[in-house]
Amino acid sequence: MPSPSASAAPAPASPKLSRLGLLVVVLLGGIFIFAVSRYHHPVYGFTRFFQLQHEVAARGLPELREGRVFINENHAGYDGQFYAQLALRPTLQDPALQTALDNPALRARRILGSWVAALVGLGDATRTLHAYAWINLVSWFALGALLLRLFPARSLNHLIAWTGLMASCGVLTSVRYALTDLPAFLLLTGALLWLQKRPGSLGAAALMAGASLARETALFAGLALLPGQPWRRRVLRAALLVTPLALWMLYVFLTLGRDTNSLRNFTWPFSAWAQKSTEVIAAFSDPQSNIFTWAGALCLLSVTVQVLYLALRPRRHDPAWQLGIGYVGLFAILGWPTFEGFPSAYTRILLPLSLAFNVLALHETARRALVLLLLGNLSVFAGVAMLTDSGTIDHEYTHAVLADTAYVVDEGDGWFGIERDKNHRWSWSSGEGTITVRRFADAGPTAPAALLRLMLVGFIPAEVTIRQGDQLLWQGTAPREGHTLSLPLDALTFDARGAATLTFTSPTPPQPEAPNPDARPLCFAIYDLAIVPR
């Protein structure tokens, strides 16, 4: 008996409309490339997605501190910083994982992406970490190609469904924080395509099993493997689905111990949803509410529409409904930790529900489908907010890549912060400040001849000394109009981590920058620091 997916009438199409749809798809792909390119760093690559905190790096695996990995000095971290470290220890045998990860047993369950990065890296720590940072980016484009099979760009409704998934909060949050949800979702999308052609196939079960190693909640999609087959084949498919994750979880338990926190993610039916709804409503009366308040509210409305639609419009013979209905049950029992904050984790956990909803909504009449698709894909506003909030790197003065050697110069203690305009970068000190020059040499200890060039500006003419430890590097006057100087980098001593700390001091008393009581006491400033070839 053919499924509704196979027998539904195709959406109205014309060659002109199809060309316009493909143009929209290409345009959205270009916007995505532009948005993610703002997170790329010539030295650190896309490791900015890890949201690696300084405190986590300090207690984490040594490769985080020694390699080309971006460290957030002043921002909150996120889960990608833990999955990236698993790529460095994919066998879980290093005892250091117990302190490097916040919840070793939980993180290690979601190992698939870490295995892929480890395979690409082939033992090279920097290549492994950078490979992990690319996984979600590659998955995004692969997902786009698969979704065009489900939603050909031949009608407005198809474009809304395609865009609603590709730009959803769940998908783009996984990209933004280098998480495991998008790779799992990609495999489940492939499984649905397989099921539409061959219901109950072992290939779909294998893809779901792989997805469960990226995100264990992928097992809920396994309900799509059960209908319409003899019980022996059902048992075989069920075994193929659950065995890889079961064996891996047993290994994780024997290696890292028990995960004691996961049960917090579940609670009484709909209680967390009710709490989140109350919070969202209250937030609109708060004068501190902002764009993220609206984005969070739209996400909640969107998933509520999806849940109600699958629950009230059952299509028991459709593989999409079979895949998605398990997530309706999961939605009901999700606990508060998956709903709190922004972006809320439920938007990622329930991505398969969004997929099923979009597939099924297209079988309604064109006008009804349009309304459903618009309401069910409102999380795109949160997704766009997530990916466009790249900000600036507030602790970095400059970076450079010369031949096989990369340099990064970061602000240390004793400064009032890096200030910028469209032409200059500068930072003021009241009399003593440090900077750290980091060198990453891929080709060995020999580095190309380079200079650290900067301008010293005095608030009033100030005597300034630059030292590395006891070594005097420069001494002179920083006038008000500025003095440009260059320091040879081969005169610096780099430690085992490739770092050299320089201290700028002045005996000249600082002066208040303005007559008001809270004015900053200023002595000298560094302007337009750069690393240039000698």
Protein backbone atom coordinates (compact mmCIF):
# COMPACT_ATOMS: atom_id res chain seq x y z
CA MET A 1 0.00 0.00 0.00
CA PRO A 2 1.67 3.27 -1.06
CA SER A 3 2.18 5.93 1.57
CA PRO A 4 0.50 9.35 1.33
CA SER A 5 3.97 10.80 0.73
CA ALA A 6 4.30 8.76 -2.42
CA SER A 7 0.79 9.34 -3.70
CA ALA A 8 0.22 12.99 -2.86
CA ALA A 9 -0.24 15.29 -5.80
CA PRO A 10 2.83 17.40 -6.56
CA ALA A 11 2.71 21.11 -6.00
CA PRO A 12 1.93 23.27 -9.03
CA ALA A 13 5.12 24.01 -10.90
CA SER A 14 6.43 25.81 -13.94
CA PRO A 15 9.95 26.11 -15.38
CA LYS A 16 10.00 29.80 -14.48
CA LEU A 17 8.95 29.12 -10.89
CA SER A 18 11.50 26.32 -10.54
CA ARG A 19 14.30 28.60 -11.76
CA LEU A 20 13.21 31.30 -9.32
CA GLY A 21 13.11 28.74 -6.49
CA LEU A 22 16.62 27.54 -7.27
CA LEU A 23 17.78 31.17 -7.34
CA VAL A 24 16.32 31.66 -3.85
CA VAL A 25 18.08 28.50 -2.63
CA VAL A 26 21.41 29.69 -4.03
CA LEU A 27 20.88 33.13 -2.52
CA LEU A 28 20.17 31.68 0.91
CA GLY A 29 23.25 29.49 0.61
CA GLY A 30 25.30 32.59 -0.17
CA ILE A 31 23.87 34.40 2.85
CA PHE A 32 24.80 31.42 5.03
CA ILE A 33 28.37 31.43 3.68
CA PHE A 34 28.67 35.16 4.37
CA ALA A 35 27.28 34.77 7.90
CA VAL A 36 29.57 31.91 8.93
CA SER A 37 32.61 33.53 7.29
CA ARG A 38 32.41 36.25 9.95
CA TYR A 39 33.30 33.58 12.53
CA HIS A 40 36.37 32.44 10.62
CA HIS A 41 39.80 33.44 11.90
CA PRO A 42 42.94 33.13 9.75
CA VAL A 43 44.78 31.45 12.63
CA TYR A 44 42.04 29.70 14.61
CA GLY A 45 39.82 28.71 11.68
CA PHE A 46 36.23 28.01 12.78
CA THR A 47 37.17 26.94 16.32
CA ARG A 48 35.44 30.09 17.51
CA PHE A 49 32.26 28.00 17.23
CA PHE A 50 33.43 25.91 20.21
CA GLN A 51 32.75 28.77 22.63
CA LEU A 52 35.79 27.53 24.56
CA GLN A 53 36.00 29.28 27.92
CA HIS A 54 39.32 30.26 29.43
CA GLU A 55 38.53 28.26 32.57
CA VAL A 56 37.70 25.14 30.54
CA ALA A 57 40.86 25.50 28.47
CA ALA A 58 42.92 25.83 31.66
CA ARG A 59 41.71 22.48 33.02
CA GLY A 60 41.14 20.83 29.65
CA LEU A 61 43.36 18.76 27.40
CA PRO A 62 46.76 20.37 26.71
CA GLU A 63 46.12 20.58 22.96
CA LEU A 64 43.54 23.31 23.65
CA ARG A 65 46.21 25.59 25.08
CA GLU A 66 48.98 24.66 22.65
CA GLY A 67 47.11 24.50 19.36
CA ARG A 68 45.34 26.93 17.09
CA VAL A 69 42.12 27.04 19.08
CA PHE A 70 40.17 30.21 19.84
CA ILE A 71 39.61 30.85 23.55
CA ASN A 72 36.79 33.11 24.74
CA GLU A 73 38.22 35.30 27.47
CA ASN A 74 35.04 37.10 28.48
CA HIS A 75 32.10 35.05 27.20
CA ALA A 76 30.05 32.10 28.39
CA GLY A 77 30.98 28.70 27.03
CA TYR A 78 28.83 26.06 25.40
CA ASP A 79 28.80 22.30 24.86
CA GLY A 80 30.87 22.23 21.68
CA GLN A 81 34.00 22.84 23.76
CA PHE A 82 33.54 19.37 25.28
CA TYR A 83 32.69 17.44 22.12
CA ALA A 84 35.75 18.93 20.43
CA GLN A 85 37.97 17.51 23.17
CA LEU A 86 36.47 14.04 22.67
CA ALA A 87 37.80 14.17 19.11
CA LEU A 88 41.30 14.28 20.64
CA ARG A 89 40.61 11.21 22.83
CA PRO A 90 38.05 9.17 20.85
CA THR A 91 38.84 5.96 22.78
CA LEU A 92 38.04 7.71 26.12
CA GLN A 93 41.08 6.11 27.75
CA ASP A 94 42.74 9.30 28.99
CA PRO A 95 41.90 9.93 32.70
CA ALA A 96 42.22 13.66 31.99
CA LEU A 97 38.76 13.55 30.41
CA GLN A 98 37.25 13.32 33.89
CA THR A 99 38.35 16.89 34.63
CA ALA A 100 38.36 18.21 31.04
CA LEU A 101 34.64 17.54 30.46
CA ASP A 102 31.72 18.83 32.50
CA ASN A 103 29.83 15.53 32.27
CA PRO A 104 32.11 12.91 30.67
CA ALA A 105 29.58 10.07 30.42
CA LEU A 106 26.90 12.27 28.84
CA ARG A 107 29.24 13.95 26.35
CA ALA A 108 30.86 10.67 25.34
CA ARG A 109 27.51 9.15 24.38
CA ARG A 110 27.37 11.60 21.44
CA ILE A 111 30.60 10.45 19.89
CA LEU A 112 29.95 10.22 16.15
CA GLY A 113 31.15 13.71 15.20
CA SER A 114 34.23 13.31 17.37
CA TRP A 115 35.06 10.03 15.63
CA VAL A 116 34.75 11.68 12.22
CA ALA A 117 37.04 14.55 13.25
CA ALA A 118 39.58 12.13 14.73
CA LEU A 119 39.58 10.15 11.48
CA VAL A 120 40.18 13.31 9.43
CA GLY A 121 42.84 14.55 11.84
CA LEU A 122 44.87 11.32 11.81
CA GLY A 123 46.58 12.14 15.09
CA ASP A 124 47.31 15.81 14.38
CA ALA A 125 45.62 17.78 17.17
CA THR A 126 45.15 21.04 15.27
CA ARG A 127 43.81 19.29 12.17
CA THR A 128 41.46 17.21 14.34
CA LEU A 129 40.04 20.22 16.17
CA HIS A 130 39.61 22.21 12.98
CA ALA A 131 37.95 19.21 11.33
CA TYR A 132 35.43 19.05 14.18
CA ALA A 133 34.68 22.75 13.70
CA TRP A 134 33.81 22.04 10.04
CA ILE A 135 31.40 19.14 10.66
CA ASN A 136 28.28 21.26 11.13
CA LEU A 137 29.15 23.44 8.15
CA VAL A 138 29.48 20.43 5.85
CA SER A 139 26.33 18.94 7.38
CA TRP A 140 24.38 22.13 6.64
CA PHE A 141 25.11 21.94 2.92
CA ALA A 142 24.48 18.19 2.82
CA LEU A 143 21.17 18.73 4.61
CA GLY A 144 20.22 21.38 2.06
CA ALA A 145 20.80 18.93 -0.78
CA LEU A 146 18.72 16.20 0.90
CA LEU A 147 15.89 18.57 1.74
CA LEU A 148 15.67 19.61 -1.91
CA ARG A 149 14.71 16.01 -2.59
CA LEU A 150 11.85 16.33 -0.12
CA PHE A 151 10.98 19.94 -0.97
CA PRO A 152 11.90 20.64 -4.62
CA ALA A 153 12.18 24.38 -5.21
CA ARG A 154 9.08 24.50 -7.38
CA SER A 155 6.52 26.33 -5.23
CA LEU A 156 6.31 28.90 -2.48
CA ASN A 157 5.25 26.28 0.05
CA HIS A 158 8.21 24.06 -0.77
CA LEU A 159 10.58 27.01 -0.38
CA ILE A 160 9.07 27.91 3.00
CA ALA A 161 9.50 24.31 4.19
CA TRP A 162 13.10 24.14 2.93
CA THR A 163 14.04 27.53 4.38
CA GLY A 164 12.16 26.88 7.62
CA LEU A 165 14.33 23.85 8.32
CA MET A 166 17.65 25.16 7.00
CA ALA A 167 17.36 28.44 8.93
CA SER A 168 15.60 27.00 11.98
CA CYS A 169 16.83 27.84 15.44
CA GLY A 170 17.73 24.20 16.06
CA VAL A 171 19.85 23.82 12.91
CA LEU A 172 21.65 27.15 13.16
CA THR A 173 22.26 26.80 16.91
CA SER A 174 23.99 23.50 16.18
CA VAL A 175 26.16 25.30 13.61
CA ARG A 176 26.84 28.28 15.89
CA TYR A 177 28.02 26.16 18.81
CA ALA A 178 29.52 23.13 16.99
CA LEU A 179 27.00 20.71 18.49
CA THR A 180 25.92 17.18 17.59
CA ASP A 181 22.28 17.84 16.67
CA LEU A 182 22.69 18.81 13.02
CA PRO A 183 24.80 15.76 12.04
CA ALA A 184 22.18 13.52 13.71
CA PHE A 185 19.38 15.38 11.92
CA LEU A 186 21.17 14.98 8.59
CA LEU A 187 21.24 11.20 9.01
CA LEU A 188 17.58 11.08 10.04
CA THR A 189 16.64 13.11 6.96
CA GLY A 190 18.46 10.56 4.84
CA ALA A 191 16.61 7.80 6.68
CA LEU A 192 13.24 9.40 5.88
CA LEU A 193 14.11 9.63 2.19
CA TRP A 194 15.07 5.97 2.27
CA LEU A 195 11.83 5.01 4.02
CA GLN A 196 9.74 6.82 1.43
CA LYS A 197 11.29 4.67 -1.28
CA ARG A 198 11.64 1.41 0.67
CA PRO A 199 9.50 1.31 3.83
CA GLY A 200 11.11 -0.55 6.70
CA SER A 201 14.49 -0.89 4.97
CA LEU A 202 17.63 -1.91 6.81
CA GLY A 203 19.43 1.08 5.26
CA ALA A 204 17.12 3.48 7.07
CA ALA A 205 17.69 1.59 10.30
CA ALA A 206 21.46 1.87 9.82
CA LEU A 207 21.21 5.64 9.27
CA MET A 208 19.09 5.99 12.40
CA ALA A 209 21.61 3.93 14.35
CA GLY A 210 24.37 6.28 13.20
CA ALA A 211 22.26 9.29 14.15
CA SER A 212 21.77 7.86 17.65
CA LEU A 213 25.55 7.87 18.11
CA ALA A 214 25.47 11.61 17.44
CA ARG A 215 22.35 12.30 19.50
CA GLU A 216 20.71 9.48 21.47
CA THR A 217 17.23 10.94 21.05
CA ALA A 218 17.44 9.83 17.40
CA LEU A 219 16.11 6.51 18.67
CA PHE A 220 12.63 8.06 18.85
CA ALA A 221 12.61 8.10 15.05
CA GLY A 222 12.78 4.31 15.14
CA LEU A 223 8.98 4.09 15.34
CA ALA A 224 9.04 4.56 11.56
CA LEU A 225 10.74 1.15 11.22
CA LEU A 226 7.94 -0.83 12.86
CA PRO A 227 4.78 -0.66 10.71
CA GLY A 228 3.89 -2.93 7.82
CA GLN A 229 6.48 -5.70 8.12
CA PRO A 230 6.61 -9.25 9.56
CA TRP A 231 7.64 -9.31 13.18
CA ARG A 232 10.95 -11.04 12.42
CA ARG A 233 12.02 -8.15 10.19
CA ARG A 234 10.86 -5.72 12.84
CA VAL A 235 13.08 -7.42 15.41
CA LEU A 236 16.01 -7.34 12.99
CA ARG A 237 15.58 -3.63 12.28
CA ALA A 238 15.11 -2.83 15.96
CA ALA A 239 18.29 -4.72 16.80
CA LEU A 240 20.21 -2.86 14.10
CA LEU A 241 18.86 0.42 15.43
CA VAL A 242 19.66 0.04 19.13
CA THR A 243 22.69 -2.27 19.23
CA PRO A 244 25.43 0.24 18.24
CA LEU A 245 24.31 2.80 20.83
CA ALA A 246 23.74 0.12 23.50
CA LEU A 247 27.24 -1.31 23.02
CA TRP A 248 28.80 2.15 22.99
CA MET A 249 26.94 3.22 26.13
CA LEU A 250 28.14 0.06 27.88
CA TYR A 251 31.71 0.95 26.89
CA VAL A 252 31.21 4.53 28.13
CA PHE A 253 29.87 3.24 31.45
CA LEU A 254 32.81 0.87 31.92
CA THR A 255 35.31 3.57 30.95
CA LEU A 256 33.95 6.82 32.37
CA GLY A 257 31.31 5.73 34.85
CA ARG A 258 27.67 6.64 35.17
CA ASP A 259 25.87 9.74 33.95
CA THR A 260 23.76 10.99 36.86
CA ASN A 261 22.37 14.19 35.31
CA SER A 262 20.38 13.11 32.25
CA LEU A 263 17.19 12.35 34.17
CA ARG A 264 16.90 16.08 34.96
CA ASN A 265 15.99 16.53 31.30
CA PHE A 266 12.65 14.74 31.84
CA THR A 267 9.64 15.64 33.96
CA TRP A 268 5.85 15.34 34.22
CA PRO A 269 4.03 15.72 30.88
CA PHE A 270 3.87 19.31 29.59
CA SER A 271 4.98 20.86 32.90
CA ALA A 272 8.16 22.33 31.40
CA TRP A 273 6.21 23.64 28.39
CA ALA A 274 3.72 25.31 30.73
CA GLN A 275 6.53 26.86 32.76
CA LYS A 276 8.21 28.15 29.60
CA SER A 277 4.92 29.58 28.34
CA THR A 278 4.42 31.43 31.61
CA GLU A 279 7.97 32.77 31.45
CA VAL A 280 7.56 33.96 27.87
CA ILE A 281 4.29 35.76 28.62
CA ALA A 282 5.79 37.45 31.68
CA ALA A 283 8.86 38.54 29.72
CA PHE A 284 6.83 40.83 27.48
CA SER A 285 5.91 43.03 30.46
CA ASP A 286 9.57 43.31 31.46
CA PRO A 287 11.23 46.55 30.30
CA GLN A 288 14.42 44.54 29.80
CA SER A 289 12.80 42.39 27.09
CA ASN A 290 14.61 42.45 23.73
CA ILE A 291 14.75 40.73 20.37
CA PHE A 292 15.70 37.44 22.01
CA THR A 293 12.46 37.56 24.04
CA TRP A 294 10.49 37.66 20.81
CA ALA A 295 12.69 35.03 19.20
CA GLY A 296 12.17 32.64 22.13
CA ALA A 297 8.42 33.19 22.04
CA LEU A 298 8.27 32.44 18.30
CA CYS A 299 10.24 29.23 18.83
CA LEU A 300 7.75 28.07 21.47
CA LEU A 301 4.78 28.94 19.27
CA SER A 302 6.36 27.14 16.34
CA VAL A 303 6.98 23.86 18.14
CA THR A 304 3.52 24.00 19.73
CA VAL A 305 1.95 24.21 16.29
CA GLN A 306 4.03 21.26 15.12
CA VAL A 307 3.06 19.11 18.10
CA LEU A 308 -0.64 19.89 17.75
CA TYR A 309 -0.62 19.19 14.04
CA LEU A 310 0.98 15.74 14.32
CA ALA A 311 -1.18 14.83 17.30
CA LEU A 312 -4.48 15.97 15.75
CA ARG A 313 -3.88 14.98 12.12
CA PRO A 314 -2.52 11.42 12.30
CA ARG A 315 -1.35 9.80 9.07
CA ARG A 316 -0.41 6.39 10.37
CA HIS A 317 0.74 5.03 7.02
CA ASP A 318 3.05 7.95 6.23
CA PRO A 319 6.76 7.42 7.09
CA ALA A 320 7.08 11.11 8.00
CA TRP A 321 4.30 10.86 10.60
CA GLN A 322 5.75 7.60 11.91
CA LEU A 323 9.16 9.25 12.27
CA GLY A 324 7.83 12.38 13.92
CA ILE A 325 5.16 11.09 16.29
CA GLY A 326 7.69 9.75 18.80
CA TYR A 327 8.98 13.29 19.24
CA VAL A 328 5.50 14.47 20.19
CA GLY A 329 5.77 12.11 23.14
CA LEU A 330 9.32 13.28 23.81
CA PHE A 331 8.20 16.91 23.74
CA ALA A 332 5.62 16.16 26.42
CA ILE A 333 8.14 14.84 28.95
CA LEU A 334 11.10 17.13 28.26
CA GLY A 335 12.27 18.78 31.48
CA TRP A 336 13.02 22.38 32.32
CA PRO A 337 16.76 22.25 31.49
CA THR A 338 15.81 21.75 27.84
CA PHE A 339 13.45 24.77 27.86
CA GLU A 340 15.34 27.30 29.95
CA GLY A 341 17.36 30.13 28.50
CA PHE A 342 17.98 31.12 24.91
CA PRO A 343 18.59 29.33 22.65
CA SER A 344 16.59 26.56 24.33
CA ALA A 345 17.81 23.02 23.76
CA TYR A 346 14.36 21.74 22.78
CA THR A 347 14.67 23.52 19.42
CA ARG A 348 17.58 21.18 18.61
CA ILE A 349 16.22 18.04 20.23
CA LEU A 350 12.95 18.24 18.29
CA LEU A 351 14.40 18.87 14.82
CA PRO A 352 12.99 15.53 13.54
CA LEU A 353 9.54 16.73 14.62
CA SER A 354 10.05 19.84 12.48
CA LEU A 355 11.02 17.67 9.53
CA ALA A 356 7.92 15.49 9.85
CA PHE A 357 5.68 18.54 10.26
CA ASN A 358 6.96 20.23 7.09
CA VAL A 359 6.62 17.08 5.01
CA LEU A 360 3.07 16.43 6.22
CA ALA A 361 1.85 20.02 6.02
CA LEU A 362 2.49 20.04 2.28
CA HIS A 363 -0.29 17.47 1.81
CA GLU A 364 -2.89 20.00 2.89
CA THR A 365 -4.57 22.34 0.42
CA ALA A 366 -2.19 25.03 -0.82
CA ARG A 367 -3.71 27.82 1.28
CA ARG A 368 -3.96 25.76 4.48
CA ALA A 369 -0.43 24.45 3.93
CA LEU A 370 0.87 28.01 3.58
CA VAL A 371 -0.63 29.06 6.92
CA LEU A 372 0.64 25.94 8.67
CA LEU A 373 4.14 26.27 7.23
CA LEU A 374 4.40 29.93 8.23
CA LEU A 375 3.28 29.22 11.80
CA GLY A 376 5.36 26.07 12.14
CA ASN A 377 8.60 27.65 10.96
CA LEU A 378 8.68 30.81 13.04
CA SER A 379 11.91 29.70 14.70
CA VAL A 380 13.81 31.04 11.66
CA PHE A 381 13.86 34.44 13.36
CA ALA A 382 15.74 32.93 16.31
CA GLY A 383 18.01 31.06 13.92
CA VAL A 384 18.96 34.22 12.08
CA ALA A 385 19.56 36.00 15.40
CA MET A 386 21.86 33.18 16.47
CA LEU A 387 24.05 33.19 13.40
CA THR A 388 24.30 36.94 12.84
CA ASP A 389 25.47 37.73 16.38
CA SER A 390 29.19 37.21 15.67
CA GLY A 391 30.42 40.29 17.55
CA THR A 392 34.08 41.27 17.79
CA ILE A 393 37.05 39.55 19.36
CA ASP A 394 37.56 42.00 22.19
CA HIS A 395 40.91 40.75 23.55
CA GLU A 396 42.91 40.43 20.31
CA TYR A 397 45.10 43.23 19.00
CA THR A 398 46.17 41.61 15.75
CA HIS A 399 47.09 38.40 13.95
CA ALA A 400 49.23 37.43 10.98
CA VAL A 401 50.18 34.33 9.01
CA LEU A 402 53.69 34.45 7.54
CA ALA A 403 54.76 31.38 5.56
CA ASP A 404 54.13 28.37 7.86
CA THR A 405 54.03 30.43 11.05
CA ALA A 406 51.03 32.17 12.56
CA TYR A 407 51.05 34.90 15.20
CA VAL A 408 48.34 36.27 17.46
CA VAL A 409 48.77 39.20 19.85
CA ASP A 410 46.34 39.41 22.77
CA GLU A 411 45.71 42.07 25.37
CA GLY A 412 46.82 41.16 28.90
CA ASP A 413 46.37 42.88 32.25
CA GLY A 414 46.62 46.60 32.91
CA TRP A 415 44.65 48.04 29.97
CA PHE A 416 41.26 49.69 29.70
CA GLY A 417 40.25 47.48 26.78
CA ILE A 418 40.82 47.61 23.05
CA GLU A 419 38.98 50.47 21.34
CA ARG A 420 38.34 50.66 17.60
CA ASP A 421 37.15 52.91 14.86
CA LYS A 422 37.21 52.29 11.12
CA ASN A 423 40.88 53.33 10.84
CA HIS A 424 42.63 52.51 14.13
CA ARG A 425 42.83 50.15 17.11
CA TRP A 426 44.20 51.32 20.44
CA SER A 427 44.27 50.61 24.17
CA TRP A 428 45.13 52.89 27.11
CA SER A 429 47.04 52.03 30.27
CA SER A 430 47.45 53.90 33.53
CA GLY A 431 51.11 52.97 33.76
CA GLU A 432 51.66 49.22 33.39
CA GLY A 433 50.18 46.68 30.99
CA THR A 434 51.06 43.40 29.32
CA ILE A 435 50.50 41.84 25.93
CA THR A 436 51.01 38.22 24.90
CA VAL A 437 52.46 37.23 21.53
CA ARG A 438 51.58 33.65 20.55
CA ARG A 439 53.46 31.84 17.81
CA PHE A 440 52.17 28.73 16.05
CA ALA A 441 54.89 27.20 13.88
CA ASP A 442 53.63 24.31 11.76
CA ALA A 443 56.93 23.68 10.04
CA GLY A 444 59.13 23.50 13.14
CA PRO A 445 60.97 25.86 15.48
CA THR A 446 62.39 28.08 12.70
CA ALA A 447 60.13 31.08 12.17
CA PRO A 448 60.30 33.72 9.41
CA ALA A 449 61.86 37.08 10.24
CA ALA A 450 59.08 39.36 11.47
CA LEU A 451 58.58 42.58 13.40
CA LEU A 452 56.08 43.68 16.04
CA ARG A 453 55.21 47.19 14.92
CA LEU A 454 53.21 49.66 17.01
CA MET A 455 52.80 53.29 17.91
CA LEU A 456 53.19 54.49 21.49
CA VAL A 457 51.10 57.55 22.36
CA GLY A 458 51.39 59.43 25.65
CA PHE A 459 48.43 61.17 27.24
CA ILE A 460 51.15 63.60 28.20
CA PRO A 461 54.73 62.84 27.12
CA ALA A 462 55.51 59.64 29.03
CA GLU A 463 58.66 57.58 29.49
CA VAL A 464 57.92 53.95 28.57
CA THR A 465 59.94 50.77 28.99
CA ILE A 466 59.17 47.49 27.21
CA ARG A 467 60.55 44.30 28.73
CA GLN A 468 60.21 40.58 28.52
CA GLY A 469 61.09 39.42 32.00
CA ASP A 470 64.48 40.95 32.77
CA GLN A 471 65.28 41.59 29.11
CA LEU A 472 65.02 45.23 28.02
CA LEU A 473 63.47 45.45 24.56
CA TRP A 474 62.93 49.20 24.20
CA GLN A 475 63.03 52.38 26.25
CA GLY A 476 62.08 55.90 25.25
CA THR A 477 59.47 58.62 25.20
CA ALA A 478 55.87 58.25 24.06
CA PRO A 479 54.88 61.76 22.87
CA ARG A 480 51.33 62.99 22.44
CA GLU A 481 51.67 62.80 18.67
CA GLY A 482 52.91 59.22 18.93
CA HIS A 483 56.13 57.33 18.24
CA THR A 484 56.27 54.30 15.92
CA LEU A 485 58.67 51.50 16.81
CA SER A 486 59.39 47.95 15.69
CA LEU A 487 60.53 45.02 17.81
CA PRO A 488 62.13 41.98 16.11
CA LEU A 489 60.20 38.87 17.09
CA ASP A 490 63.33 36.73 16.97
CA ALA A 491 64.54 38.75 19.98
CA LEU A 492 61.69 37.31 22.06
CA THR A 493 61.82 34.08 24.04
CA PHE A 494 58.79 31.88 23.44
CA ASP A 495 57.83 29.27 26.03
CA ALA A 496 56.78 25.67 25.36
CA ARG A 497 53.29 26.87 24.43
CA GLY A 498 54.68 29.37 21.95
CA ALA A 499 53.84 32.39 24.11
CA ALA A 500 55.89 35.47 24.97
CA THR A 501 54.61 38.10 27.43
CA LEU A 502 55.78 41.70 27.09
CA THR A 503 55.38 44.27 29.87
CA PHE A 504 54.95 47.99 29.19
CA THR A 505 55.69 50.27 32.17
CA SER A 506 56.02 54.01 32.77
CA PRO A 507 57.09 56.03 35.83
CA THR A 508 55.16 59.02 34.49
CA PRO A 509 52.10 59.66 36.72
CA PRO A 510 48.79 59.09 34.94
CA GLN A 511 46.43 61.97 34.32
CA PRO A 512 42.59 61.92 34.42
CA GLU A 513 41.15 61.94 30.90
CA ALA A 514 38.34 64.30 31.95
CA PRO A 515 37.37 66.43 34.99
CA ASN A 516 34.60 64.07 36.15
CA PRO A 517 35.27 61.93 39.27
CA ASP A 518 35.10 58.57 37.47
CA ALA A 519 37.46 59.56 34.65
CA ARG A 520 40.09 57.02 33.67
CA PRO A 521 43.69 57.76 34.76
CA LEU A 522 45.67 57.58 31.49
CA CYS A 523 49.40 57.41 30.91
CA PHE A 524 50.11 55.88 27.49
CA ALA A 525 48.42 53.90 24.73
CA ILE A 526 49.33 51.31 22.12
CA TYR A 527 48.05 52.19 18.65
CA ASP A 528 47.75 50.01 15.52
CA LEU A 529 49.83 47.10 16.70
CA ALA A 530 50.70 44.77 13.80
CA ILE A 531 53.02 41.92 12.86
CA VAL A 532 54.83 42.51 9.57
CA PRO A 533 57.64 40.78 7.67
CA ARG A 534 61.07 42.16 8.29
